[in-house]
Amino acid sequence: MLKASEIMTKEVVTIRGSATAAEAVKLMREKGLHTLIVERRHDQDAYGIVTDSDIVYKVAAFGLDPKKVRVYEIMTKPCVVVNPDLGAEYVARLFANTNIRIAPVIKDKLLGIISISDILCKGDFVERPKQSFLEQEIQKAVENARAICAEKGANSRECAVAWDVVEELEAEAAHQRARKLEETAFEKYCREFPDAQEARIYDV
C-alpha cells in the first residue's frame, strides 16, 4: 500500500493571498495547473487553496474584474490537508467524503500536493487492492496467532495479544467492505480452545 508521500507531486506552485485573481490565472496558464496553494502569512497560519473553479465560479461568472479581486477573497482556507504517511486509499476516501479532488500534503511544512490523478496514475490499487492485501495479512496473522498459542498456551497473554492483532486487521477489512464479520477468526479458535477467551481479559 503506497503512502501519500510516495505518489504526491513534490513541485508545488504557491501564490500569496494578496495576489490578484488575474495573477493566479497567469500562473495557472504558465504552469498548466488547475490549483495553487496559498502561502501562509506566518508559521502559525493555515495554508489555503485556490482552484480554477474558484476563479471561474466566483469571478468570471459574475463579470468581476480579476485584476481587482484578491486571491484571499475567493480561496478556501483552511483547506483539507493530507498527512504524508496516509495510505493512498485513505486519501481517496477523504477526497470522496469531502468532495475535493486535490489537497496539499503537510507535516509541519508543505511537502507536496496530491490529487485524484496521482492516485489514479501512481497508486497501486489495481495491482494491490486493499481488501486482497488485508485478506493475506489476516491469514498470516491467524497462522502466527495459532503458532504462538500452540507454543505459549491458549490462555497465555502472548496468545491474547496475537489475536488482538488479528482482530484489528479483521476490523479494518470489515470497514473496507462496510459489512460486519459473522464470525471472527478468534471466535472460531475459541470453539477449539474455550480457555482462550479468558486470556483476552488482561491489564494493559
Protein backbone atom coordinates (compact mmCIF):
# COMPACT_ATOMS: atom_id res chain seq x y z
CA MET A 1 0.00 0.00 0.00
CA LEU A 2 1.55 3.25 -1.14
CA LYS A 3 1.57 6.33 1.08
CA ALA A 4 0.63 9.85 0.07
CA SER A 5 4.31 10.84 0.22
CA GLU A 6 5.14 8.21 -2.42
CA ILE A 7 2.65 9.34 -5.04
CA MET A 8 2.33 13.08 -4.36
CA THR A 9 3.71 15.76 -6.66
CA LYS A 10 6.62 17.42 -4.88
CA GLU A 11 6.80 20.53 -7.04
CA VAL A 12 4.15 22.81 -5.58
CA VAL A 13 3.34 26.21 -7.04
CA THR A 14 2.26 28.73 -4.41
CA ILE A 15 0.78 32.21 -4.53
CA ARG A 16 0.25 34.97 -1.98
CA GLY A 17 -3.22 35.62 -0.67
CA SER A 18 -2.78 39.28 -1.58
CA ALA A 19 -2.15 38.46 -5.25
CA THR A 20 -4.92 39.18 -7.72
CA ALA A 21 -7.08 36.59 -9.43
CA ALA A 22 -5.53 37.76 -12.71
CA GLU A 23 -2.07 36.88 -11.37
CA ALA A 24 -3.40 33.48 -10.33
CA VAL A 25 -4.80 32.89 -13.82
CA LYS A 26 -1.47 33.90 -15.39
CA LEU A 27 0.42 31.50 -13.14
CA MET A 28 -2.01 28.66 -13.84
CA ARG A 29 -1.72 29.20 -17.59
CA GLU A 30 2.08 29.36 -17.49
CA LYS A 31 2.44 26.22 -15.39
CA GLY A 32 -0.51 24.31 -16.86
CA LEU A 33 -2.14 23.97 -13.43
CA HIS A 34 -5.68 23.92 -12.08
CA THR A 35 -4.75 24.61 -8.44
CA LEU A 36 -2.42 26.84 -6.48
CA ILE A 37 -1.55 26.61 -2.80
CA VAL A 38 -1.92 29.92 -0.97
CA GLU A 39 1.11 30.74 1.16
CA ARG A 40 0.87 31.19 4.92
CA ARG A 41 1.34 34.67 6.33
CA HIS A 42 3.31 33.28 9.29
CA ASP A 43 4.32 29.90 10.74
CA GLN A 44 1.13 29.51 12.79
CA ASP A 45 -1.12 30.40 9.87
CA ALA A 46 -3.01 27.78 7.83
CA TYR A 47 -2.44 27.11 4.15
CA GLY A 48 -5.15 27.98 1.67
CA ILE A 49 -6.02 26.68 -1.77
CA VAL A 50 -7.35 28.40 -4.88
CA THR A 51 -8.58 26.49 -7.92
CA ASP A 52 -9.58 27.26 -11.46
CA SER A 53 -13.17 26.57 -10.37
CA ASP A 54 -12.90 29.28 -7.70
CA ILE A 55 -11.83 31.79 -10.32
CA VAL A 56 -14.46 30.76 -12.89
CA TYR A 57 -17.36 30.41 -10.43
CA LYS A 58 -16.60 33.42 -8.22
CA VAL A 59 -15.01 35.89 -10.63
CA ALA A 60 -15.74 35.13 -14.29
CA ALA A 61 -19.34 34.02 -13.63
CA PHE A 62 -20.15 37.42 -12.10
CA GLY A 63 -18.27 39.50 -14.63
CA LEU A 64 -15.87 40.80 -11.95
CA ASP A 65 -12.51 42.29 -12.88
CA PRO A 66 -9.89 39.64 -11.98
CA LYS A 67 -7.28 42.39 -11.64
CA LYS A 68 -9.26 43.80 -8.69
CA VAL A 69 -10.26 40.56 -6.92
CA ARG A 70 -7.71 39.22 -4.46
CA VAL A 71 -6.91 35.53 -4.03
CA TYR A 72 -7.80 35.67 -0.32
CA GLU A 73 -11.36 36.68 -1.30
CA ILE A 74 -12.01 33.52 -3.31
CA MET A 75 -9.71 30.88 -1.80
CA THR A 76 -10.60 28.08 0.62
CA LYS A 77 -8.82 28.48 3.96
CA PRO A 78 -8.07 26.47 5.95
CA CYS A 79 -8.15 23.74 3.35
CA VAL A 80 -8.26 19.97 3.74
CA VAL A 81 -4.69 18.71 4.19
CA VAL A 82 -3.16 15.24 3.89
CA ASN A 83 -0.57 13.66 6.16
CA PRO A 84 2.31 12.21 4.09
CA ASP A 85 2.01 8.86 5.93
CA LEU A 86 -1.64 8.39 4.97
CA GLY A 87 -2.31 5.43 2.68
CA ALA A 88 -3.48 6.23 -0.83
CA GLU A 89 -6.86 4.53 -0.35
CA TYR A 90 -7.50 6.65 2.74
CA VAL A 91 -6.66 9.77 0.73
CA ALA A 92 -9.18 8.59 -1.88
CA ARG A 93 -11.80 8.10 0.84
CA LEU A 94 -11.03 11.55 2.28
CA PHE A 95 -11.50 13.09 -1.17
CA ALA A 96 -14.78 11.23 -1.65
CA ASN A 97 -16.11 12.27 1.76
CA THR A 98 -15.15 15.93 1.35
CA ASN A 99 -15.93 16.15 -2.38
CA ILE A 100 -12.50 17.51 -3.31
CA ARG A 101 -10.02 16.48 -5.99
CA ILE A 102 -6.72 17.80 -4.65
CA ALA A 103 -5.06 18.73 -1.34
CA PRO A 104 -1.67 19.83 -0.03
CA VAL A 105 0.48 17.26 1.75
CA ILE A 106 1.67 18.79 5.01
CA LYS A 107 3.64 17.65 8.03
CA ASP A 108 4.97 20.71 9.87
CA LYS A 109 5.63 22.23 6.44
CA LEU A 110 4.34 21.99 2.87
CA LEU A 111 5.81 18.81 1.31
CA GLY A 112 3.80 18.41 -1.85
CA ILE A 113 0.35 18.18 -3.34
CA ILE A 114 -1.77 15.11 -4.08
CA SER A 115 -4.68 14.80 -6.50
CA ILE A 116 -7.08 12.17 -7.76
CA SER A 117 -4.82 11.97 -10.85
CA ASP A 118 -1.88 10.99 -8.63
CA ILE A 119 -3.98 8.24 -7.03
CA LEU A 120 -5.18 7.04 -10.44
CA CYS A 121 -1.84 7.18 -12.26
CA LYS A 122 0.68 6.41 -9.50
CA GLY A 123 -1.34 4.41 -6.99
CA ASP A 124 -1.14 0.62 -6.66
CA PHE A 125 -4.83 -0.04 -6.01
CA VAL A 126 -5.16 -2.01 -9.27
CA GLU A 127 -2.17 -4.25 -8.57
CA ARG A 128 -2.69 -4.45 -4.81
CA PRO A 129 -6.32 -3.80 -3.86
CA LYS A 130 -6.57 -3.17 -0.14
CA GLN A 131 -9.14 -5.89 0.51
CA SER A 132 -6.97 -8.60 -1.09
CA PHE A 133 -3.92 -7.30 0.73
CA LEU A 134 -5.79 -7.33 4.05
CA GLU A 135 -7.05 -10.86 3.48
CA GLN A 136 -3.46 -12.03 3.00
CA GLU A 137 -2.34 -10.16 6.12
CA ILE A 138 -5.21 -11.64 8.14
CA GLN A 139 -4.28 -15.15 7.04
CA LYS A 140 -0.64 -14.58 8.08
CA ALA A 141 -1.73 -13.10 11.42
CA VAL A 142 -4.07 -16.05 12.12
CA GLU A 143 -1.29 -18.54 11.38
CA ASN A 144 1.07 -16.56 13.62
CA ALA A 145 -1.50 -16.39 16.45
CA ARG A 146 -2.16 -20.12 16.27
CA ALA A 147 1.59 -20.85 16.34
CA ILE A 148 2.12 -18.59 19.37
CA CYS A 149 -0.85 -20.10 21.19
CA ALA A 150 0.39 -23.64 20.47
CA GLU A 151 3.76 -22.72 21.95
CA LYS A 152 2.72 -20.48 24.87
CA GLY A 153 -0.72 -21.90 25.63
CA ALA A 154 -4.23 -20.91 24.59
CA ASN A 155 -4.78 -18.87 27.76
CA SER A 156 -1.41 -17.08 27.73
CA ARG A 157 -1.01 -13.31 27.44
CA GLU A 158 1.09 -13.77 24.30
CA CYS A 159 -1.74 -15.70 22.69
CA ALA A 160 -4.23 -12.97 23.59
CA VAL A 161 -2.00 -10.22 22.16
CA ALA A 162 -1.54 -12.19 18.92
CA TRP A 163 -5.34 -12.42 18.49
CA ASP A 164 -5.63 -8.67 19.15
CA VAL A 165 -3.54 -8.13 16.01
CA VAL A 166 -5.85 -10.44 14.03
CA GLU A 167 -8.97 -8.62 15.22
CA GLU A 168 -7.55 -5.20 14.31
CA LEU A 169 -6.92 -6.42 10.76
CA GLU A 170 -10.37 -8.03 10.58
CA ALA A 171 -11.98 -4.80 11.79
CA GLU A 172 -10.20 -2.86 9.05
CA ALA A 173 -11.29 -5.41 6.44
CA ALA A 174 -14.90 -5.23 7.68
CA HIS A 175 -14.73 -1.42 7.44
CA GLN A 176 -13.46 -1.67 3.87
CA ARG A 177 -16.35 -3.97 2.94
CA ALA A 178 -18.84 -1.97 5.04
CA ARG A 179 -20.03 -5.30 6.40
CA LYS A 180 -19.57 -6.86 9.84
CA LEU A 181 -17.94 -10.29 10.09
CA GLU A 182 -20.35 -13.07 11.00
CA GLU A 183 -17.61 -14.85 12.94
CA THR A 184 -14.07 -13.71 13.71
CA ALA A 185 -11.02 -15.94 13.44
CA PHE A 186 -10.68 -15.77 17.24
CA GLU A 187 -14.26 -16.92 17.75
CA LYS A 188 -13.53 -19.92 15.53
CA TYR A 189 -10.38 -20.58 17.55
CA CYS A 190 -12.38 -20.42 20.81
CA ARG A 191 -14.62 -23.20 19.58
CA GLU A 192 -11.49 -25.37 19.55
CA PHE A 193 -9.91 -23.88 22.67
CA PRO A 194 -12.55 -22.42 25.03
CA ASP A 195 -9.88 -21.38 27.59
CA ALA A 196 -8.50 -18.81 25.15
CA GLN A 197 -11.42 -16.45 25.85
CA GLU A 198 -10.32 -15.93 29.46
CA ALA A 199 -6.86 -14.81 28.37
CA ARG A 200 -8.33 -11.83 26.48
CA ILE A 201 -9.19 -10.18 29.82
CA TYR A 202 -5.89 -8.71 30.92
CA ASP A 203 -4.49 -5.46 32.21
CA VAL A 204 -2.80 -3.31 29.64
